[in-house]
Each structure stands twice: as structure tokens, then as C-alpha cells.
Amino acid sequence: MIQRPAPRLDQAGLRDGGEIVVDYLFHGEAGVAFDHLLYMISEPDLVLSAGTYAELARAGEMLELPEDALASIRRAAGG
């Protein structure tokens, strides 16, 4: 039996998001890859742990993105 993603994740851009991000990275488009990763997190309204959010913020800093680049990303309470 084929398992399908939850309905909120079962859409183009999310279902194949990992491949999209890798493809952008392969073509030297780290900023676009990061933007797509942010989309993949914010679209289904995922909540990140404090540690994962910190790693995402660090990547954003390395890409020299503005501080508000992660504004749409939710963190778990206490993080």
C-alpha cells in the first residue's frame, strides 16, 4: 500500500520540496533554495523546535538575509 502525505502536505512544492531544494543548490542558487525551504515550513504552518529554528536562523545569517526573513516561521513555546 502506498502511503500518501497528510492533505496539508500533499501539494506540489511540498511533496517534492526536498528535490526542489537540492536542485536549486545543485545550480548554485542557495538563496532560492532557502526561500523554498521557508515556504515548505510556513505553508503547512509547521512549528520548529528551538534548536531547528536556531540552525535555520544561522543559515539565513550565512546567506546574509534580513533579520525578518524568518518572520513567518513558528517556534515551539519556550524556544
PDB file of N, CA and C in Angstrom:
ATOM      1  N   MET A   1       0.832  -1.177   0.000  1.00  0.00           N
ATOM      2  CA  MET A   1       0.000   0.000   0.000  1.00  0.00           C
ATOM      3  C   MET A   1       0.881   1.246   0.000  1.00  0.00           C
ATOM      4  N   ILE A   2       0.554   2.199  -0.830  1.00  0.00           N
ATOM      5  CA  ILE A   2       1.301   3.455  -0.907  1.00  0.00           C
ATOM      6  C   ILE A   2       0.771   4.410   0.146  1.00  0.00           C
ATOM      7  N   GLN A   3       1.675   4.947   0.957  1.00  0.00           N
ATOM      8  CA  GLN A   3       1.265   5.935   1.945  1.00  0.00           C
ATOM      9  C   GLN A   3       1.357   7.312   1.335  1.00  0.00           C
ATOM     10  N   ARG A   4       0.307   8.078   1.504  1.00  0.00           N
ATOM     11  CA  ARG A   4       0.263   9.436   0.973  1.00  0.00           C
ATOM     12  C   ARG A   4       0.484  10.413   2.115  1.00  0.00           C
ATOM     13  N   PRO A   5       1.111  11.548   1.823  1.00  0.00           N
ATOM     14  CA  PRO A   5       1.316  12.560   2.865  1.00  0.00           C
ATOM     15  C   PRO A   5      -0.025  13.085   3.383  1.00  0.00           C
ATOM     16  N   ALA A   6       0.001  13.669   4.559  1.00  0.00           N
ATOM     17  CA  ALA A   6      -1.197  14.314   5.099  1.00  0.00           C
ATOM     18  C   ALA A   6      -1.676  15.357   4.097  1.00  0.00           C
ATOM     19  N   PRO A   7      -3.000  15.586   3.999  1.00  0.00           N
ATOM     20  CA  PRO A   7      -3.535  16.503   2.985  1.00  0.00           C
ATOM     21  C   PRO A   7      -2.869  17.878   2.946  1.00  0.00           C
ATOM     22  N   ARG A   8      -2.531  18.442   4.105  1.00  0.00           N
ATOM     23  CA  ARG A   8      -1.923  19.773   4.085  1.00  0.00           C
ATOM     24  C   ARG A   8      -0.507  19.754   3.511  1.00  0.00           C
ATOM     25  N   LEU A   9       0.095  18.581   3.433  1.00  0.00           N
ATOM     26  CA  LEU A   9       1.425  18.451   2.862  1.00  0.00           C
ATOM     27  C   LEU A   9       1.396  17.908   1.438  1.00  0.00           C
ATOM     28  N   ASP A  10       0.229  17.461   1.010  1.00  0.00           N
ATOM     29  CA  ASP A  10       0.098  16.805  -0.290  1.00  0.00           C
ATOM     30  C   ASP A  10      -0.197  17.822  -1.385  1.00  0.00           C
ATOM     31  N   GLN A  11       0.804  18.628  -1.681  1.00  0.00           N
ATOM     32  CA  GLN A  11       0.673  19.603  -2.750  1.00  0.00           C
ATOM     33  C   GLN A  11       2.028  19.817  -3.410  1.00  0.00           C
ATOM     34  N   ALA A  12       1.980  20.196  -4.659  1.00  0.00           N
ATOM     35  CA  ALA A  12       3.225  20.446  -5.391  1.00  0.00           C
ATOM     36  C   ALA A  12       4.035  21.491  -4.639  1.00  0.00           C
ATOM     37  N   GLY A  13       5.330  21.306  -4.628  1.00  0.00           N
ATOM     38  CA  GLY A  13       6.211  22.224  -3.919  1.00  0.00           C
ATOM     39  C   GLY A  13       6.500  21.775  -2.508  1.00  0.00           C
ATOM     40  N   LEU A  14       5.587  21.013  -1.929  1.00  0.00           N
ATOM     41  CA  LEU A  14       5.830  20.429  -0.612  1.00  0.00           C
ATOM     42  C   LEU A  14       6.144  18.953  -0.756  1.00  0.00           C
ATOM     43  N   ARG A  15       5.329  18.262  -1.515  1.00  0.00           N
ATOM     44  CA  ARG A  15       5.505  16.823  -1.720  1.00  0.00           C
ATOM     45  C   ARG A  15       6.884  16.529  -2.316  1.00  0.00           C
ATOM     46  N   ASP A  16       7.318  17.369  -3.248  1.00  0.00           N
ATOM     47  CA  ASP A  16       8.617  17.182  -3.896  1.00  0.00           C
ATOM     48  C   ASP A  16       9.619  18.264  -3.491  1.00  0.00           C
ATOM     49  N   GLY A  17       9.370  18.878  -2.352  1.00  0.00           N
ATOM     50  CA  GLY A  17      10.182  20.005  -1.906  1.00  0.00           C
ATOM     51  C   GLY A  17      11.652  19.697  -1.705  1.00  0.00           C
ATOM     52  N   GLY A  18      11.947  18.520  -1.185  1.00  0.00           N
ATOM     53  CA  GLY A  18      13.349  18.155  -0.986  1.00  0.00           C
ATOM     54  C   GLY A  18      14.119  18.132  -2.287  1.00  0.00           C
ATOM     55  N   GLU A  19      13.493  17.578  -3.310  1.00  0.00           N
ATOM     56  CA  GLU A  19      14.122  17.540  -4.636  1.00  0.00           C
ATOM     57  C   GLU A  19      14.304  18.943  -5.196  1.00  0.00           C
ATOM     58  N   ILE A  20      13.320  19.801  -4.972  1.00  0.00           N
ATOM     59  CA  ILE A  20      13.400  21.181  -5.466  1.00  0.00           C
ATOM     60  C   ILE A  20      14.562  21.910  -4.800  1.00  0.00           C
ATOM     61  N   VAL A  21      14.670  21.773  -3.480  1.00  0.00           N
ATOM     62  CA  VAL A  21      15.754  22.444  -2.745  1.00  0.00           C
ATOM     63  C   VAL A  21      17.112  21.944  -3.234  1.00  0.00           C
ATOM     64  N   VAL A  22      17.265  20.639  -3.366  1.00  0.00           N
ATOM     65  CA  VAL A  22      18.541  20.073  -3.831  1.00  0.00           C
ATOM     66  C   VAL A  22      18.861  20.561  -5.245  1.00  0.00           C
ATOM     67  N   ASP A  23      17.864  20.629  -6.097  1.00  0.00           N
ATOM     68  CA  ASP A  23      18.084  21.100  -7.466  1.00  0.00           C
ATOM     69  C   ASP A  23      18.573  22.550  -7.474  1.00  0.00           C
ATOM     70  N   TYR A  24      17.953  23.399  -6.666  1.00  0.00           N
ATOM     71  CA  TYR A  24      18.415  24.793  -6.576  1.00  0.00           C
ATOM     72  C   TYR A  24      19.857  24.847  -6.073  1.00  0.00           C
ATOM     73  N   LEU A  25      20.169  24.062  -5.056  1.00  0.00           N
ATOM     74  CA  LEU A  25      21.538  24.045  -4.528  1.00  0.00           C
ATOM     75  C   LEU A  25      22.523  23.560  -5.581  1.00  0.00           C
ATOM     76  N   PHE A  26      22.148  22.526  -6.316  1.00  0.00           N
ATOM     77  CA  PHE A  26      22.991  21.981  -7.373  1.00  0.00           C
ATOM     78  C   PHE A  26      23.318  23.043  -8.419  1.00  0.00           C
ATOM     79  N   HIS A  27      22.379  23.954  -8.657  1.00  0.00           N
ATOM     80  CA  HIS A  27      22.577  25.008  -9.649  1.00  0.00           C
ATOM     81  C   HIS A  27      23.113  26.310  -9.037  1.00  0.00           C
ATOM     82  N   GLY A  28      23.620  26.237  -7.805  1.00  0.00           N
ATOM     83  CA  GLY A  28      24.253  27.395  -7.182  1.00  0.00           C
ATOM     84  C   GLY A  28      23.284  28.468  -6.718  1.00  0.00           C
ATOM     85  N   GLU A  29      22.039  28.093  -6.467  1.00  0.00           N
ATOM     86  CA  GLU A  29      21.011  29.050  -6.058  1.00  0.00           C
ATOM     87  C   GLU A  29      20.629  28.824  -4.591  1.00  0.00           C
ATOM     88  N   ALA A  30      21.594  29.042  -3.690  1.00  0.00           N
ATOM     89  CA  ALA A  30      21.358  28.780  -2.269  1.00  0.00           C
ATOM     90  C   ALA A  30      20.244  29.660  -1.706  1.00  0.00           C
ATOM     91  N   GLY A  31      20.179  30.912  -2.112  1.00  0.00           N
ATOM     92  CA  GLY A  31      19.133  31.807  -1.618  1.00  0.00           C
ATOM     93  C   GLY A  31      17.750  31.345  -2.027  1.00  0.00           C
ATOM     94  N   VAL A  32      17.604  30.916  -3.265  1.00  0.00           N
ATOM     95  CA  VAL A  32      16.313  30.424  -3.754  1.00  0.00           C
ATOM     96  C   VAL A  32      15.965  29.113  -3.044  1.00  0.00           C
ATOM     97  N   ALA A  33      16.966  28.270  -2.819  1.00  0.00           N
ATOM     98  CA  ALA A  33      16.747  27.016  -2.097  1.00  0.00           C
ATOM     99  C   ALA A  33      16.250  27.313  -0.681  1.00  0.00           C
ATOM    100  N   PHE A  34      16.855  28.293  -0.029  1.00  0.00           N
ATOM    101  CA  PHE A  34      16.462  28.656   1.329  1.00  0.00           C
ATOM    102  C   PHE A  34      15.041  29.215   1.334  1.00  0.00           C
ATOM    103  N   ASP A  35      14.714  30.053   0.362  1.00  0.00           N
ATOM    104  CA  ASP A  35      13.352  30.586   0.255  1.00  0.00           C
ATOM    105  C   ASP A  35      12.340  29.460   0.109  1.00  0.00           C
ATOM    106  N   HIS A  36      12.685  28.458  -0.688  1.00  0.00           N
ATOM    107  CA  HIS A  36      11.756  27.341  -0.863  1.00  0.00           C
ATOM    108  C   HIS A  36      11.638  26.541   0.427  1.00  0.00           C
ATOM    109  N   LEU A  37      12.730  26.382   1.132  1.00  0.00           N
ATOM    110  CA  LEU A  37      12.695  25.693   2.413  1.00  0.00           C
ATOM    111  C   LEU A  37      11.780  26.435   3.392  1.00  0.00           C
ATOM    112  N   LEU A  38      11.880  27.755   3.429  1.00  0.00           N
ATOM    113  CA  LEU A  38      10.998  28.553   4.287  1.00  0.00           C
ATOM    114  C   LEU A  38       9.538  28.354   3.892  1.00  0.00           C
ATOM    115  N   TYR A  39       9.279  28.315   2.596  1.00  0.00           N
ATOM    116  CA  TYR A  39       7.921  28.052   2.109  1.00  0.00           C
ATOM    117  C   TYR A  39       7.427  26.693   2.594  1.00  0.00           C
ATOM    118  N   MET A  40       8.303  25.692   2.525  1.00  0.00           N
ATOM    119  CA  MET A  40       7.932  24.338   2.930  1.00  0.00           C
ATOM    120  C   MET A  40       7.615  24.255   4.423  1.00  0.00           C
ATOM    121  N   ILE A  41       8.161  25.148   5.202  1.00  0.00           N
ATOM    122  CA  ILE A  41       7.909  25.170   6.642  1.00  0.00           C
ATOM    123  C   ILE A  41       6.668  26.010   6.956  1.00  0.00           C
ATOM    124  N   SER A  42       6.553  27.159   6.326  1.00  0.00           N
ATOM    125  CA  SER A  42       5.461  28.078   6.668  1.00  0.00           C
ATOM    126  C   SER A  42       4.123  27.701   6.031  1.00  0.00           C
ATOM    127  N   GLU A  43       4.122  27.141   4.836  1.00  0.00           N
ATOM    128  CA  GLU A  43       2.866  26.822   4.146  1.00  0.00           C
ATOM    129  C   GLU A  43       1.990  25.854   4.950  1.00  0.00           C
ATOM    130  N   PRO A  44       2.540  24.750   5.449  1.00  0.00           N
ATOM    131  CA  PRO A  44       1.707  23.860   6.267  1.00  0.00           C
ATOM    132  C   PRO A  44       1.669  24.279   7.740  1.00  0.00           C
ATOM    133  N   ASP A  45       2.250  25.456   8.045  1.00  0.00           N
ATOM    134  CA  ASP A  45       2.238  26.025   9.397  1.00  0.00           C
ATOM    135  C   ASP A  45       2.904  25.110  10.415  1.00  0.00           C
ATOM    136  N   LEU A  46       4.078  24.593  10.043  1.00  0.00           N
ATOM    137  CA  LEU A  46       4.843  23.737  10.946  1.00  0.00           C
ATOM    138  C   LEU A  46       5.428  24.561  12.083  1.00  0.00           C
ATOM    139  N   VAL A  47       5.658  23.928  13.205  1.00  0.00           N
ATOM    140  CA  VAL A  47       6.277  24.558  14.365  1.00  0.00           C
ATOM    141  C   VAL A  47       7.629  23.902  14.573  1.00  0.00           C
ATOM    142  N   LEU A  48       8.688  24.713  14.606  1.00  0.00           N
ATOM    143  CA  LEU A  48      10.045  24.189  14.749  1.00  0.00           C
ATOM    144  C   LEU A  48      10.495  24.206  16.200  1.00  0.00           C
ATOM    145  N   SER A  49      11.316  23.239  16.546  1.00  0.00           N
ATOM    146  CA  SER A  49      11.952  23.257  17.870  1.00  0.00           C
ATOM    147  C   SER A  49      12.913  24.433  17.916  1.00  0.00           C
ATOM    148  N   ALA A  50      13.290  24.818  19.114  1.00  0.00           N
ATOM    149  CA  ALA A  50      14.221  25.936  19.280  1.00  0.00           C
ATOM    150  C   ALA A  50      15.541  25.664  18.566  1.00  0.00           C
ATOM    151  N   GLY A  51      16.028  24.430  18.669  1.00  0.00           N
ATOM    152  CA  GLY A  51      17.293  24.079  18.033  1.00  0.00           C
ATOM    153  C   GLY A  51      17.228  24.144  16.514  1.00  0.00           C
ATOM    154  N   THR A  52      16.147  23.640  15.949  1.00  0.00           N
ATOM    155  CA  THR A  52      15.984  23.676  14.498  1.00  0.00           C
ATOM    156  C   THR A  52      15.830  25.106  14.015  1.00  0.00           C
ATOM    157  N   TYR A  53      15.075  25.912  14.757  1.00  0.00           N
ATOM    158  CA  TYR A  53      14.918  27.319  14.398  1.00  0.00           C
ATOM    159  C   TYR A  53      16.272  28.029  14.421  1.00  0.00           C
ATOM    160  N   ALA A  54      17.090  27.737  15.429  1.00  0.00           N
ATOM    161  CA  ALA A  54      18.408  28.356  15.537  1.00  0.00           C
ATOM    162  C   ALA A  54      19.283  27.995  14.339  1.00  0.00           C
ATOM    163  N   GLU A  55      19.235  26.742  13.911  1.00  0.00           N
ATOM    164  CA  GLU A  55      20.004  26.322  12.733  1.00  0.00           C
ATOM    165  C   GLU A  55      19.514  27.031  11.476  1.00  0.00           C
ATOM    166  N   LEU A  56      18.206  27.174  11.350  1.00  0.00           N
ATOM    167  CA  LEU A  56      17.629  27.882  10.208  1.00  0.00           C
ATOM    168  C   LEU A  56      18.063  29.347  10.227  1.00  0.00           C
ATOM    169  N   ALA A  57      18.037  29.968  11.402  1.00  0.00           N
ATOM    170  CA  ALA A  57      18.459  31.358  11.535  1.00  0.00           C
ATOM    171  C   ALA A  57      19.941  31.509  11.181  1.00  0.00           C
ATOM    172  N   ARG A  58      20.738  30.551  11.592  1.00  0.00           N
ATOM    173  CA  ARG A  58      22.174  30.587  11.269  1.00  0.00           C
ATOM    174  C   ARG A  58      22.391  30.518   9.763  1.00  0.00           C
ATOM    175  N   ALA A  59      21.640  29.655   9.090  1.00  0.00           N
ATOM    176  CA  ALA A  59      21.739  29.564   7.627  1.00  0.00           C
ATOM    177  C   ALA A  59      21.329  30.883   6.990  1.00  0.00           C
ATOM    178  N   GLY A  60      20.274  31.495   7.508  1.00  0.00           N
ATOM    179  CA  GLY A  60      19.848  32.794   6.997  1.00  0.00           C
ATOM    180  C   GLY A  60      20.920  33.863   7.160  1.00  0.00           C
ATOM    181  N   GLU A  61      21.600  33.840   8.287  1.00  0.00           N
ATOM    182  CA  GLU A  61      22.699  34.784   8.521  1.00  0.00           C
ATOM    183  C   GLU A  61      23.835  34.546   7.530  1.00  0.00           C
ATOM    184  N   MET A  62      24.160  33.283   7.285  1.00  0.00           N
ATOM    185  CA  MET A  62      25.230  32.953   6.350  1.00  0.00           C
ATOM    186  C   MET A  62      24.882  33.420   4.935  1.00  0.00           C
ATOM    187  N   LEU A  63      23.587  33.427   4.619  1.00  0.00           N
ATOM    188  CA  LEU A  63      23.138  33.896   3.308  1.00  0.00           C
ATOM    189  C   LEU A  63      22.929  35.410   3.290  1.00  0.00           C
ATOM    190  N   GLU A  64      23.215  36.040   4.436  1.00  0.00           N
ATOM    191  CA  GLU A  64      23.087  37.491   4.603  1.00  0.00           C
ATOM    192  C   GLU A  64      21.665  37.980   4.322  1.00  0.00           C
ATOM    193  N   LEU A  65      20.694  37.205   4.801  1.00  0.00           N
ATOM    194  CA  LEU A  65      19.297  37.586   4.655  1.00  0.00           C
ATOM    195  C   LEU A  65      18.928  38.583   5.747  1.00  0.00           C
ATOM    196  N   PRO A  66      17.907  39.389   5.526  1.00  0.00           N
ATOM    197  CA  PRO A  66      17.474  40.325   6.565  1.00  0.00           C
ATOM    198  C   PRO A  66      16.970  39.565   7.797  1.00  0.00           C
ATOM    199  N   GLU A  67      17.036  40.215   8.941  1.00  0.00           N
ATOM    200  CA  GLU A  67      16.648  39.564  10.191  1.00  0.00           C
ATOM    201  C   GLU A  67      15.205  39.088  10.182  1.00  0.00           C
ATOM    202  N   ASP A  68      14.336  39.739   9.430  1.00  0.00           N
ATOM    203  CA  ASP A  68      12.928  39.353   9.412  1.00  0.00           C
ATOM    204  C   ASP A  68      12.627  38.244   8.401  1.00  0.00           C
ATOM    205  N   ALA A  69      13.650  37.644   7.816  1.00  0.00           N
ATOM    206  CA  ALA A  69      13.446  36.593   6.815  1.00  0.00           C
ATOM    207  C   ALA A  69      12.693  35.387   7.387  1.00  0.00           C
ATOM    208  N   LEU A  70      12.816  35.180   8.685  1.00  0.00           N
ATOM    209  CA  LEU A  70      12.161  34.038   9.319  1.00  0.00           C
ATOM    210  C   LEU A  70      10.867  34.437  10.024  1.00  0.00           C
ATOM    211  N   ALA A  71      10.343  35.596   9.710  1.00  0.00           N
ATOM    212  CA  ALA A  71       9.158  36.103  10.404  1.00  0.00           C
ATOM    213  C   ALA A  71       7.960  35.168  10.307  1.00  0.00           C
ATOM    214  N   SER A  72       7.847  34.421   9.230  1.00  0.00           N
ATOM    215  CA  SER A  72       6.686  33.541   9.052  1.00  0.00           C
ATOM    216  C   SER A  72       6.878  32.161   9.680  1.00  0.00           C
ATOM    217  N   ILE A  73       8.036  31.925  10.272  1.00  0.00           N
ATOM    218  CA  ILE A  73       8.347  30.610  10.831  1.00  0.00           C
ATOM    219  C   ILE A  73       7.993  30.585  12.321  1.00  0.00           C
ATOM    220  N   ARG A  74       7.226  29.578  12.709  1.00  0.00           N
ATOM    221  CA  ARG A  74       6.813  29.462  14.118  1.00  0.00           C
ATOM    222  C   ARG A  74       7.767  28.578  14.899  1.00  0.00           C
ATOM    223  N   ARG A  75       8.007  28.966  16.164  1.00  0.00           N
ATOM    224  CA  ARG A  75       8.839  28.189  17.076  1.00  0.00           C
ATOM    225  C   ARG A  75       7.971  27.590  18.166  1.00  0.00           C
ATOM    226  N   ALA A  76       8.397  26.460  18.669  1.00  0.00           N
ATOM    227  CA  ALA A  76       7.698  25.829  19.790  1.00  0.00           C
ATOM    228  C   ALA A  76       7.766  26.751  20.999  1.00  0.00           C
ATOM    229  N   ALA A  77       6.752  26.706  21.823  1.00  0.00           N
ATOM    230  CA  ALA A  77       6.709  27.524  23.041  1.00  0.00           C
ATOM    231  C   ALA A  77       7.958  27.261  23.879  1.00  0.00           C
ATOM    232  N   GLY A  78       8.474  28.317  24.435  1.00  0.00           N
ATOM    233  CA  GLY A  78       9.668  28.203  25.256  1.00  0.00           C
ATOM    234  C   GLY A  78      10.947  28.268  24.462  1.00  0.00           C
ATOM    235  N   GLY A  79      10.823  28.412  23.121  1.00  0.00           N
ATOM    236  CA  GLY A  79      12.014  28.435  22.283  1.00  0.00           C
ATOM    237  C   GLY A  79      12.153  29.697  21.676  1.00  0.00           C
TER     238      GLY A  79
END
